[in-house]
């Protein structure tokens, strides 16, 4: 059975007056009339939800016990005091609209899901909404025996989601494990061999800097970085081996794209650009410091601060 969900952002309770006021009752019958009027207002909330056809209501604000009673009587499940951010995410998952005035609620404002159920997980009561047609937001429940394990699982999941987002933004992948950096290094060394002077030194230095990635990977994996780099240079000197990199679980050099060790192109692109911009910035600062140190003093051995004085001012 498809669950019809109403998303509400209105308190199901009697509104309090903005100013302090006194209600004087001179007849005992007026008390019952006053209580009946309150009940009528609260019952109205439940009836409007029933008329819309919803069988689940999720409210950002509070729900009076009387309203909960009527909702339960009509077979409607209610969830109250949901945060605004959670309500927005539920809206993205189930569709529908968030209604701020119950009187304007209609069947067109409802969201849909196959199942709405409540479970107790680690002592917490949680509401699970599943079977949404085209969810734009989902929740991932992480559990661990200790806090440190849970924190690590959260960090790992966050990294994985960031990688997926990068692939979606730019649908292209390459082999990981330093494969791209080694291929770029080899091609830059070929370009450097055709240059001369400072340009050749700069290109060669840039190419060797790219090799730091596979070297660091080898060191972290407990492998000999010298042997790994030598093997990678040999493989990348052959045509068709642009995705050959270090596979740390096997501890050897393989075609990482075939082995399933991949990286988004967007990540590689951003890393290289950021590192290059930072290096250029440092070099420019160094040039400025050198230029300042090399500036000569006042002519004629004059004391500092007197080099620009006009004649006759001594």
C-alpha atoms as a PDB file:
ATOM      1  CA  UNK A   1       0.000   0.000   0.000  1.00  0.00           C
ATOM      2  CA  UNK A   2       1.395   3.381  -1.013  1.00  0.00           C
ATOM      3  CA  UNK A   3       1.828   5.774   1.920  1.00  0.00           C
ATOM      4  CA  UNK A   4       0.557   9.325   1.372  1.00  0.00           C
ATOM      5  CA  UNK A   5       2.629  11.770   3.380  1.00  0.00           C
ATOM      6  CA  UNK A   6       1.624  15.303   4.396  1.00  0.00           C
ATOM      7  CA  UNK A   7       4.490  17.652   5.272  1.00  0.00           C
ATOM      8  CA  UNK A   8       3.336  20.392   7.646  1.00  0.00           C
ATOM      9  CA  UNK A   9       5.044  23.421   9.161  1.00  0.00           C
ATOM     10  CA  UNK A  10       2.274  24.567  11.520  1.00  0.00           C
ATOM     11  CA  UNK A  11       1.774  23.868  15.209  1.00  0.00           C
ATOM     12  CA  UNK A  12      -1.302  21.709  15.926  1.00  0.00           C
ATOM     13  CA  UNK A  13      -2.170  23.483  19.148  1.00  0.00           C
ATOM     14  CA  UNK A  14      -4.200  26.348  20.543  1.00  0.00           C
ATOM     15  CA  UNK A  15      -2.447  29.633  19.834  1.00  0.00           C
ATOM     16  CA  UNK A  16      -1.605  31.781  22.800  1.00  0.00           C
ATOM     17  CA  UNK A  17      -2.430  35.479  22.803  1.00  0.00           C
ATOM     18  CA  UNK A  18       0.394  37.947  22.330  1.00  0.00           C
ATOM     19  CA  UNK A  19      -0.667  39.895  25.428  1.00  0.00           C
ATOM     20  CA  UNK A  20      -1.648  38.702  28.895  1.00  0.00           C
ATOM     21  CA  UNK A  21      -5.414  38.474  29.254  1.00  0.00           C
ATOM     22  CA  UNK A  22      -7.992  37.242  31.753  1.00  0.00           C
ATOM     23  CA  UNK A  23     -11.075  35.186  30.928  1.00  0.00           C
ATOM     24  CA  UNK A  24     -13.924  35.748  33.334  1.00  0.00           C
ATOM     25  CA  UNK A  25     -16.546  32.985  33.495  1.00  0.00           C
ATOM     26  CA  UNK A  26     -19.739  33.712  35.362  1.00  0.00           C
ATOM     27  CA  UNK A  27     -21.640  30.546  34.419  1.00  0.00           C
ATOM     28  CA  UNK A  28     -20.375  26.915  34.861  1.00  0.00           C
ATOM     29  CA  UNK A  29     -21.861  26.056  31.463  1.00  0.00           C
ATOM     30  CA  UNK A  30     -19.444  28.477  29.858  1.00  0.00           C
ATOM     31  CA  UNK A  31     -16.534  26.292  30.963  1.00  0.00           C
ATOM     32  CA  UNK A  32     -17.824  23.347  28.968  1.00  0.00           C
ATOM     33  CA  UNK A  33     -18.473  25.611  25.996  1.00  0.00           C
ATOM     34  CA  UNK A  34     -14.907  26.901  26.214  1.00  0.00           C
ATOM     35  CA  UNK A  35     -13.494  23.352  26.298  1.00  0.00           C
ATOM     36  CA  UNK A  36     -15.742  22.266  23.419  1.00  0.00           C
ATOM     37  CA  UNK A  37     -14.482  25.196  21.340  1.00  0.00           C
ATOM     38  CA  UNK A  38     -10.851  24.196  21.969  1.00  0.00           C
ATOM     39  CA  UNK A  39     -11.603  20.591  21.034  1.00  0.00           C
ATOM     40  CA  UNK A  40     -13.330  21.749  17.849  1.00  0.00           C
ATOM     41  CA  UNK A  41     -10.263  23.724  16.800  1.00  0.00           C
ATOM     42  CA  UNK A  42      -7.922  20.809  17.485  1.00  0.00           C
ATOM     43  CA  UNK A  43     -10.222  18.328  15.773  1.00  0.00           C
ATOM     44  CA  UNK A  44     -10.257  20.589  12.722  1.00  0.00           C
ATOM     45  CA  UNK A  45      -6.531  19.952  12.193  1.00  0.00           C
ATOM     46  CA  UNK A  46      -7.049  16.188  12.096  1.00  0.00           C
ATOM     47  CA  UNK A  47     -10.080  16.466   9.813  1.00  0.00           C
ATOM     48  CA  UNK A  48      -8.201  18.589   7.262  1.00  0.00           C
ATOM     49  CA  UNK A  49      -5.444  15.959   7.063  1.00  0.00           C
ATOM     50  CA  UNK A  50      -8.061  13.220   6.691  1.00  0.00           C
ATOM     51  CA  UNK A  51      -9.767  15.146   3.876  1.00  0.00           C
ATOM     52  CA  UNK A  52      -6.483  15.432   1.968  1.00  0.00           C
ATOM     53  CA  UNK A  53      -6.192  11.628   1.902  1.00  0.00           C
ATOM     54  CA  UNK A  54      -2.906  11.504   3.839  1.00  0.00           C
ATOM     55  CA  UNK A  55      -2.241   8.575   6.145  1.00  0.00           C
ATOM     56  CA  UNK A  56       1.089   9.919   7.450  1.00  0.00           C
ATOM     57  CA  UNK A  57       1.752  13.447   8.698  1.00  0.00           C
ATOM     58  CA  UNK A  58       5.204  14.835   9.477  1.00  0.00           C
ATOM     59  CA  UNK A  59       5.140  18.138  11.324  1.00  0.00           C
ATOM     60  CA  UNK A  60       8.029  20.495  11.934  1.00  0.00           C
ATOM     61  CA  UNK A  61       6.282  21.845  15.032  1.00  0.00           C
ATOM     62  CA  UNK A  62       4.337  20.427  17.957  1.00  0.00           C
ATOM     63  CA  UNK A  63       1.138  18.342  17.991  1.00  0.00           C
ATOM     64  CA  UNK A  64      -1.290  18.504  20.909  1.00  0.00           C
ATOM     65  CA  UNK A  65      -2.297  15.225  22.537  1.00  0.00           C
ATOM     66  CA  UNK A  66      -5.913  15.839  21.505  1.00  0.00           C
ATOM     67  CA  UNK A  67      -4.898  16.163  17.858  1.00  0.00           C
ATOM     68  CA  UNK A  68      -2.835  12.959  18.141  1.00  0.00           C
ATOM     69  CA  UNK A  69      -5.907  11.227  19.532  1.00  0.00           C
ATOM     70  CA  UNK A  70      -8.058  12.242  16.554  1.00  0.00           C
ATOM     71  CA  UNK A  71      -5.309  11.379  14.068  1.00  0.00           C
ATOM     72  CA  UNK A  72      -4.951   7.944  15.620  1.00  0.00           C
ATOM     73  CA  UNK A  73      -8.734   7.531  15.457  1.00  0.00           C
ATOM     74  CA  UNK A  74      -8.605   8.242  11.721  1.00  0.00           C
ATOM     75  CA  UNK A  75      -5.707   5.814  11.226  1.00  0.00           C
ATOM     76  CA  UNK A  76      -3.150   8.535  10.514  1.00  0.00           C
ATOM     77  CA  UNK A  77       0.441   8.187  11.765  1.00  0.00           C
ATOM     78  CA  UNK A  78       1.964  11.435  13.079  1.00  0.00           C
ATOM     79  CA  UNK A  79       5.574  12.517  13.617  1.00  0.00           C
ATOM     80  CA  UNK A  80       6.203  15.819  15.387  1.00  0.00           C
ATOM     81  CA  UNK A  81       9.066  18.210  16.175  1.00  0.00           C
ATOM     82  CA  UNK A  82      11.052  17.416  13.026  1.00  0.00           C
ATOM     83  CA  UNK A  83      13.838  19.893  12.304  1.00  0.00           C
ATOM     84  CA  UNK A  84      13.475  22.204   9.329  1.00  0.00           C
ATOM     85  CA  UNK A  85      16.501  20.705   7.568  1.00  0.00           C
ATOM     86  CA  UNK A  86      15.151  17.158   8.013  1.00  0.00           C
ATOM     87  CA  UNK A  87      11.741  18.210   6.717  1.00  0.00           C
ATOM     88  CA  UNK A  88      13.391  19.695   3.614  1.00  0.00           C
ATOM     89  CA  UNK A  89      15.276  16.444   3.031  1.00  0.00           C
ATOM     90  CA  UNK A  90      12.095  14.384   3.466  1.00  0.00           C
ATOM     91  CA  UNK A  91      10.425  16.645   0.924  1.00  0.00           C
ATOM     92  CA  UNK A  92      13.219  15.923  -1.576  1.00  0.00           C
ATOM     93  CA  UNK A  93      12.847  12.192  -0.927  1.00  0.00           C
ATOM     94  CA  UNK A  94       9.070  11.766  -1.068  1.00  0.00           C
ATOM     95  CA  UNK A  95       8.108  14.736  -3.226  1.00  0.00           C
ATOM     96  CA  UNK A  96       5.147  16.915  -2.327  1.00  0.00           C
ATOM     97  CA  UNK A  97       5.157  20.338  -0.704  1.00  0.00           C
ATOM     98  CA  UNK A  98       5.673  21.708   2.789  1.00  0.00           C
ATOM     99  CA  UNK A  99       2.381  23.319   3.846  1.00  0.00           C
ATOM    100  CA  UNK A 100       2.448  26.191   6.325  1.00  0.00           C
ATOM    101  CA  UNK A 101      -1.344  26.619   6.574  1.00  0.00           C
ATOM    102  CA  UNK A 102      -3.362  23.467   7.216  1.00  0.00           C
ATOM    103  CA  UNK A 103      -6.439  25.027   5.590  1.00  0.00           C
ATOM    104  CA  UNK A 104      -4.676  25.060   2.216  1.00  0.00           C
ATOM    105  CA  UNK A 105      -3.634  21.372   2.361  1.00  0.00           C
ATOM    106  CA  UNK A 106      -4.831  19.283  -0.591  1.00  0.00           C
ATOM    107  CA  UNK A 107      -4.052  15.929  -2.190  1.00  0.00           C
ATOM    108  CA  UNK A 108      -1.701  17.694  -4.647  1.00  0.00           C
ATOM    109  CA  UNK A 109       0.612  18.612  -1.760  1.00  0.00           C
ATOM    110  CA  UNK A 110       1.216  15.033  -0.609  1.00  0.00           C
ATOM    111  CA  UNK A 111       4.384  13.006  -1.014  1.00  0.00           C
ATOM    112  CA  UNK A 112       4.522   9.256  -1.551  1.00  0.00           C
ATOM    113  CA  UNK A 113       6.528   6.280  -0.292  1.00  0.00           C
ATOM    114  CA  UNK A 114       5.984   2.520  -0.209  1.00  0.00           C
ATOM    115  CA  UNK A 115       6.731   2.125   3.486  1.00  0.00           C
ATOM    116  CA  UNK A 116       6.869   4.257   6.638  1.00  0.00           C
ATOM    117  CA  UNK A 117       7.957   2.311   9.719  1.00  0.00           C
ATOM    118  CA  UNK A 118       9.392   2.959  13.151  1.00  0.00           C
ATOM    119  CA  UNK A 119      12.334   1.041  14.571  1.00  0.00           C
ATOM    120  CA  UNK A 120      14.412   1.261  17.723  1.00  0.00           C
ATOM    121  CA  UNK A 121      18.125   1.357  16.909  1.00  0.00           C
ATOM    122  CA  UNK A 122      20.649   1.446  19.766  1.00  0.00           C
ATOM    123  CA  UNK A 123      18.005   2.829  22.097  1.00  0.00           C
ATOM    124  CA  UNK A 124      16.820   5.548  19.686  1.00  0.00           C
ATOM    125  CA  UNK A 125      13.408   5.573  18.040  1.00  0.00           C
ATOM    126  CA  UNK A 126      13.885   6.189  14.320  1.00  0.00           C
ATOM    127  CA  UNK A 127      11.415   6.657  11.475  1.00  0.00           C
ATOM    128  CA  UNK A 128      12.340   4.897   8.215  1.00  0.00           C
ATOM    129  CA  UNK A 129      10.755   6.111   4.960  1.00  0.00           C
ATOM    130  CA  UNK A 130      11.562   3.769   2.090  1.00  0.00           C
ATOM    131  CA  UNK A 131      10.405   2.978  -1.420  1.00  0.00           C
ATOM    132  CA  UNK A 132      10.387   6.567  -2.693  1.00  0.00           C
ATOM    133  CA  UNK A 133       9.858   6.852  -6.451  1.00  0.00           C
ATOM    134  CA  UNK A 134      12.684   9.252  -7.287  1.00  0.00           C
ATOM    135  CA  UNK A 135      14.429  10.351  -4.072  1.00  0.00           C
ATOM    136  CA  UNK A 136      16.596  13.448  -4.242  1.00  0.00           C
ATOM    137  CA  UNK A 137      17.840  12.938  -0.679  1.00  0.00           C
ATOM    138  CA  UNK A 138      18.683   9.798   1.279  1.00  0.00           C
ATOM    139  CA  UNK A 139      19.977   8.960   4.756  1.00  0.00           C
ATOM    140  CA  UNK A 140      22.813   6.582   5.537  1.00  0.00           C
ATOM    141  CA  UNK A 141      22.843   4.969   8.980  1.00  0.00           C
ATOM    142  CA  UNK A 142      26.314   4.235  10.361  1.00  0.00           C
ATOM    143  CA  UNK A 143      26.905   2.039  13.410  1.00  0.00           C
ATOM    144  CA  UNK A 144      30.046   1.013  15.264  1.00  0.00           C
ATOM    145  CA  UNK A 145      31.076  -0.483  18.572  1.00  0.00           C
ATOM    146  CA  UNK A 146      33.193   2.482  19.664  1.00  0.00           C
ATOM    147  CA  UNK A 147      33.113   6.222  18.950  1.00  0.00           C
ATOM    148  CA  UNK A 148      36.496   6.238  17.206  1.00  0.00           C
ATOM    149  CA  UNK A 149      35.320   3.528  14.807  1.00  0.00           C
ATOM    150  CA  UNK A 150      32.177   5.493  14.031  1.00  0.00           C
ATOM    151  CA  UNK A 151      34.172   8.679  13.385  1.00  0.00           C
ATOM    152  CA  UNK A 152      36.478   6.812  11.009  1.00  0.00           C
ATOM    153  CA  UNK A 153      33.510   5.276   9.181  1.00  0.00           C
ATOM    154  CA  UNK A 154      31.963   8.731   8.792  1.00  0.00           C
ATOM    155  CA  UNK A 155      35.197  10.196   7.380  1.00  0.00           C
ATOM    156  CA  UNK A 156      35.585   7.296   4.959  1.00  0.00           C
ATOM    157  CA  UNK A 157      31.990   7.606   3.783  1.00  0.00           C
ATOM    158  CA  UNK A 158      32.400  11.359   3.325  1.00  0.00           C
ATOM    159  CA  UNK A 159      35.502  10.804   1.166  1.00  0.00           C
ATOM    160  CA  UNK A 160      33.661   8.229  -0.935  1.00  0.00           C
ATOM    161  CA  UNK A 161      30.702  10.559  -1.486  1.00  0.00           C
ATOM    162  CA  UNK A 162      33.053  13.376  -2.515  1.00  0.00           C
ATOM    163  CA  UNK A 163      34.677  11.090  -5.098  1.00  0.00           C
ATOM    164  CA  UNK A 164      31.254  10.127  -6.491  1.00  0.00           C
ATOM    165  CA  UNK A 165      30.298  13.815  -6.680  1.00  0.00           C
ATOM    166  CA  UNK A 166      33.499  14.577  -8.605  1.00  0.00           C
ATOM    167  CA  UNK A 167      32.779  11.803 -11.100  1.00  0.00           C
ATOM    168  CA  UNK A 168      29.232  13.096 -11.598  1.00  0.00           C
ATOM    169  CA  UNK A 169      30.469  16.653 -12.191  1.00  0.00           C
ATOM    170  CA  UNK A 170      32.978  15.516 -14.810  1.00  0.00           C
ATOM    171  CA  UNK A 171      32.275  12.051 -16.160  1.00  0.00           C
ATOM    172  CA  UNK A 172      35.842  10.871 -16.719  1.00  0.00           C
ATOM    173  CA  UNK A 173      38.167   8.571 -14.796  1.00  0.00           C
ATOM    174  CA  UNK A 174      41.817   7.507 -15.053  1.00  0.00           C
ATOM    175  CA  UNK A 175      44.001   4.877 -13.464  1.00  0.00           C
ATOM    176  CA  UNK A 176      45.092   5.653  -9.905  1.00  0.00           C
ATOM    177  CA  UNK A 177      48.154   4.726  -7.885  1.00  0.00           C
ATOM    178  CA  UNK A 178      50.333   7.463  -9.404  1.00  0.00           C
ATOM    179  CA  UNK A 179      49.746   6.282 -12.970  1.00  0.00           C
ATOM    180  CA  UNK A 180      48.741   9.676 -14.354  1.00  0.00           C
ATOM    181  CA  UNK A 181      51.548  11.501 -12.538  1.00  0.00           C
ATOM    182  CA  UNK A 182      54.148   9.097 -13.913  1.00  0.00           C
ATOM    183  CA  UNK A 183      52.790   9.413 -17.440  1.00  0.00           C
ATOM    184  CA  UNK A 184      52.852  13.204 -17.219  1.00  0.00           C
ATOM    185  CA  UNK A 185      56.382  13.078 -15.823  1.00  0.00           C
ATOM    186  CA  UNK A 186      57.627  10.950 -18.726  1.00  0.00           C
ATOM    187  CA  UNK A 187      56.018  13.199 -21.325  1.00  0.00           C
ATOM    188  CA  UNK A 188      57.409  16.348 -19.725  1.00  0.00           C
ATOM    189  CA  UNK A 189      60.901  14.831 -19.701  1.00  0.00           C
ATOM    190  CA  UNK A 190      60.536  14.236 -23.444  1.00  0.00           C
ATOM    191  CA  UNK A 191      59.593  17.892 -23.892  1.00  0.00           C
ATOM    192  CA  UNK A 192      62.518  18.996 -21.696  1.00  0.00           C
ATOM    193  CA  UNK A 193      65.011  17.088 -23.829  1.00  0.00           C
ATOM    194  CA  UNK A 194      64.090  19.352 -26.758  1.00  0.00           C
ATOM    195  CA  UNK A 195      64.628  22.547 -24.768  1.00  0.00           C
ATOM    196  CA  UNK A 196      67.742  24.330 -23.592  1.00  0.00           C
ATOM    197  CA  UNK A 197      68.805  26.648 -20.791  1.00  0.00           C
ATOM    198  CA  UNK A 198      66.564  27.505 -17.860  1.00  0.00           C
ATOM    199  CA  UNK A 199      63.437  26.210 -19.605  1.00  0.00           C
ATOM    200  CA  UNK A 200      64.883  22.707 -19.700  1.00  0.00           C
ATOM    201  CA  UNK A 201      65.791  22.797 -15.988  1.00  0.00           C
ATOM    202  CA  UNK A 202      62.328  24.085 -15.031  1.00  0.00           C
ATOM    203  CA  UNK A 203      60.483  21.416 -17.022  1.00  0.00           C
ATOM    204  CA  UNK A 204      62.701  18.634 -15.688  1.00  0.00           C
ATOM    205  CA  UNK A 205      62.152  19.822 -12.093  1.00  0.00           C
ATOM    206  CA  UNK A 206      58.398  19.894 -12.630  1.00  0.00           C
ATOM    207  CA  UNK A 207      58.500  16.370 -14.084  1.00  0.00           C
ATOM    208  CA  UNK A 208      60.517  14.986 -11.141  1.00  0.00           C
ATOM    209  CA  UNK A 209      58.133  16.681  -8.676  1.00  0.00           C
ATOM    210  CA  UNK A 210      55.226  14.678 -10.124  1.00  0.00           C
ATOM    211  CA  UNK A 211      57.051  11.456  -9.203  1.00  0.00           C
ATOM    212  CA  UNK A 212      56.609  12.326  -5.514  1.00  0.00           C
ATOM    213  CA  UNK A 213      53.055  10.896  -5.659  1.00  0.00           C
ATOM    214  CA  UNK A 214      53.993   7.260  -6.463  1.00  0.00           C
ATOM    215  CA  UNK A 215      57.083   7.546  -4.231  1.00  0.00           C
ATOM    216  CA  UNK A 216      54.915   8.547  -1.258  1.00  0.00           C
ATOM    217  CA  UNK A 217      52.421   5.773  -2.013  1.00  0.00           C
ATOM    218  CA  UNK A 218      55.230   3.198  -2.066  1.00  0.00           C
ATOM    219  CA  UNK A 219      56.689   4.467   1.222  1.00  0.00           C
ATOM    220  CA  UNK A 220      53.288   4.409   2.947  1.00  0.00           C
ATOM    221  CA  UNK A 221      52.717   0.849   1.717  1.00  0.00           C
ATOM    222  CA  UNK A 222      56.080  -0.293   3.123  1.00  0.00           C
ATOM    223  CA  UNK A 223      57.586  -0.884  -0.331  1.00  0.00           C
ATOM    224  CA  UNK A 224      60.950   0.163  -1.718  1.00  0.00           C
ATOM    225  CA  UNK A 225      60.248   3.470  -3.543  1.00  0.00           C
ATOM    226  CA  UNK A 226      63.435   3.235  -5.627  1.00  0.00           C
ATOM    227  CA  UNK A 227      62.450  -0.124  -7.129  1.00  0.00           C
ATOM    228  CA  UNK A 228      58.855   1.017  -7.703  1.00  0.00           C
ATOM    229  CA  UNK A 229      59.892   4.238  -9.468  1.00  0.00           C
ATOM    230  CA  UNK A 230      62.404   2.401 -11.629  1.00  0.00           C
ATOM    231  CA  UNK A 231      59.746  -0.127 -12.656  1.00  0.00           C
ATOM    232  CA  UNK A 232      57.170   2.610 -13.317  1.00  0.00           C
ATOM    233  CA  UNK A 233      59.626   4.549 -15.495  1.00  0.00           C
ATOM    234  CA  UNK A 234      60.298   1.424 -17.499  1.00  0.00           C
ATOM    235  CA  UNK A 235      56.587   0.668 -17.994  1.00  0.00           C
ATOM    236  CA  UNK A 236      55.667   4.229 -18.943  1.00  0.00           C
ATOM    237  CA  UNK A 237      58.428   4.353 -21.524  1.00  0.00           C
ATOM    238  CA  UNK A 238      56.392   1.785 -23.475  1.00  0.00           C
ATOM    239  CA  UNK A 239      53.344   2.864 -25.521  1.00  0.00           C
ATOM    240  CA  UNK A 240      49.881   1.988 -24.180  1.00  0.00           C
ATOM    241  CA  UNK A 241      50.909   1.862 -20.513  1.00  0.00           C
ATOM    242  CA  UNK A 242      49.585   5.271 -19.462  1.00  0.00           C
ATOM    243  CA  UNK A 243      47.435   3.761 -16.684  1.00  0.00           C
ATOM    244  CA  UNK A 244      50.135   1.581 -15.130  1.00  0.00           C
ATOM    245  CA  UNK A 245      50.561   2.490 -11.463  1.00  0.00           C
ATOM    246  CA  UNK A 246      51.187   1.078  -7.997  1.00  0.00           C
ATOM    247  CA  UNK A 247      48.579  -1.343  -6.643  1.00  0.00           C
ATOM    248  CA  UNK A 248      49.385  -1.309  -2.932  1.00  0.00           C
ATOM    249  CA  UNK A 249      47.339  -4.390  -1.955  1.00  0.00           C
ATOM    250  CA  UNK A 250      49.282  -6.548  -4.403  1.00  0.00           C
ATOM    251  CA  UNK A 251      52.444  -4.559  -3.750  1.00  0.00           C
ATOM    252  CA  UNK A 252      53.341  -4.356  -7.408  1.00  0.00           C
ATOM    253  CA  UNK A 253      52.983  -2.293 -10.576  1.00  0.00           C
ATOM    254  CA  UNK A 254      49.899  -3.135 -12.694  1.00  0.00           C
ATOM    255  CA  UNK A 255      47.412  -1.532 -15.093  1.00  0.00           C
ATOM    256  CA  UNK A 256      45.298   0.128 -12.424  1.00  0.00           C
ATOM    257  CA  UNK A 257      42.372   0.927 -14.687  1.00  0.00           C
ATOM    258  CA  UNK A 258      41.908  -2.779 -15.364  1.00  0.00           C
ATOM    259  CA  UNK A 259      42.547  -3.578 -11.688  1.00  0.00           C
ATOM    260  CA  UNK A 260      39.768  -1.205 -10.621  1.00  0.00           C
ATOM    261  CA  UNK A 261      42.034   1.361  -8.951  1.00  0.00           C
ATOM    262  CA  UNK A 262      40.704   4.558 -10.477  1.00  0.00           C
ATOM    263  CA  UNK A 263      40.532   8.286  -9.769  1.00  0.00           C
ATOM    264  CA  UNK A 264      38.241  11.039 -11.099  1.00  0.00           C
ATOM    265  CA  UNK A 265      39.866  13.300 -13.668  1.00  0.00           C
ATOM    266  CA  UNK A 266      38.459  16.325 -11.808  1.00  0.00           C
ATOM    267  CA  UNK A 267      40.485  15.431  -8.693  1.00  0.00           C
ATOM    268  CA  UNK A 268      43.737  14.958 -10.587  1.00  0.00           C
ATOM    269  CA  UNK A 269      43.166  18.193 -12.487  1.00  0.00           C
ATOM    270  CA  UNK A 270      42.505  20.183  -9.313  1.00  0.00           C
ATOM    271  CA  UNK A 271      45.490  18.709  -7.448  1.00  0.00           C
ATOM    272  CA  UNK A 272      47.958  19.551 -10.220  1.00  0.00           C
ATOM    273  CA  UNK A 273      46.566  23.054 -10.733  1.00  0.00           C
ATOM    274  CA  UNK A 274      46.589  23.870  -7.021  1.00  0.00           C
ATOM    275  CA  UNK A 275      50.140  22.559  -6.533  1.00  0.00           C
ATOM    276  CA  UNK A 276      51.372  24.502  -9.561  1.00  0.00           C
ATOM    277  CA  UNK A 277      49.727  27.751  -8.438  1.00  0.00           C
ATOM    278  CA  UNK A 278      51.210  27.374  -4.949  1.00  0.00           C
ATOM    279  CA  UNK A 279      54.711  26.753  -6.350  1.00  0.00           C
ATOM    280  CA  UNK A 280      54.465  29.799  -8.622  1.00  0.00           C
ATOM    281  CA  UNK A 281      53.314  31.917  -5.681  1.00  0.00           C
ATOM    282  CA  UNK A 282      56.293  30.816  -3.559  1.00  0.00           C
ATOM    283  CA  UNK A 283      58.709  31.540  -6.404  1.00  0.00           C
ATOM    284  CA  UNK A 284      57.269  35.019  -6.887  1.00  0.00           C
ATOM    285  CA  UNK A 285      57.630  35.802  -3.178  1.00  0.00           C
ATOM    286  CA  UNK A 286      61.244  34.597  -3.312  1.00  0.00           C
ATOM    287  CA  UNK A 287      61.942  36.876  -6.285  1.00  0.00           C
ATOM    288  CA  UNK A 288      60.500  39.865  -4.421  1.00  0.00           C
ATOM    289  CA  UNK A 289      62.688  39.189  -1.379  1.00  0.00           C
ATOM    290  CA  UNK A 290      65.789  38.879  -3.552  1.00  0.00           C
ATOM    291  CA  UNK A 291      64.944  42.075  -5.407  1.00  0.00           C
ATOM    292  CA  UNK A 292      64.553  43.952  -2.131  1.00  0.00           C
ATOM    293  CA  UNK A 293      67.871  42.673  -0.779  1.00  0.00           C
ATOM    294  CA  UNK A 294      69.739  43.539  -3.979  1.00  0.00           C
ATOM    295  CA  UNK A 295      68.581  47.176  -4.008  1.00  0.00           C
ATOM    296  CA  UNK A 296      71.593  49.506  -3.592  1.00  0.00           C
ATOM    297  CA  UNK A 297      71.962  52.259  -0.964  1.00  0.00           C
ATOM    298  CA  UNK A 298      72.151  56.029  -1.514  1.00  0.00           C
ATOM    299  CA  UNK A 299      74.858  57.190  -3.955  1.00  0.00           C
ATOM    300  CA  UNK A 300      78.214  58.487  -2.733  1.00  0.00           C
ATOM    301  CA  UNK A 301      78.162  56.639   0.541  1.00  0.00           C
ATOM    302  CA  UNK A 302      75.615  59.020   2.025  1.00  0.00           C
ATOM    303  CA  UNK A 303      73.846  57.986   5.199  1.00  0.00           C
ATOM    304  CA  UNK A 304      70.453  56.263   4.833  1.00  0.00           C
ATOM    305  CA  UNK A 305      67.571  58.654   4.387  1.00  0.00           C
ATOM    306  CA  UNK A 306      69.687  61.476   2.855  1.00  0.00           C
ATOM    307  CA  UNK A 307      70.038  60.240  -0.694  1.00  0.00           C
ATOM    308  CA  UNK A 308      67.152  62.292  -2.048  1.00  0.00           C
ATOM    309  CA  UNK A 309      67.886  65.697  -0.416  1.00  0.00           C
ATOM    310  CA  UNK A 310      68.209  68.644  -2.798  1.00  0.00           C
ATOM    311  CA  UNK A 311      71.389  70.763  -2.955  1.00  0.00           C
ATOM    312  CA  UNK A 312      71.789  73.369  -0.249  1.00  0.00           C
ATOM    313  CA  UNK A 313      69.871  71.404   2.357  1.00  0.00           C
ATOM    314  CA  UNK A 314      72.929  69.949   4.107  1.00  0.00           C
END
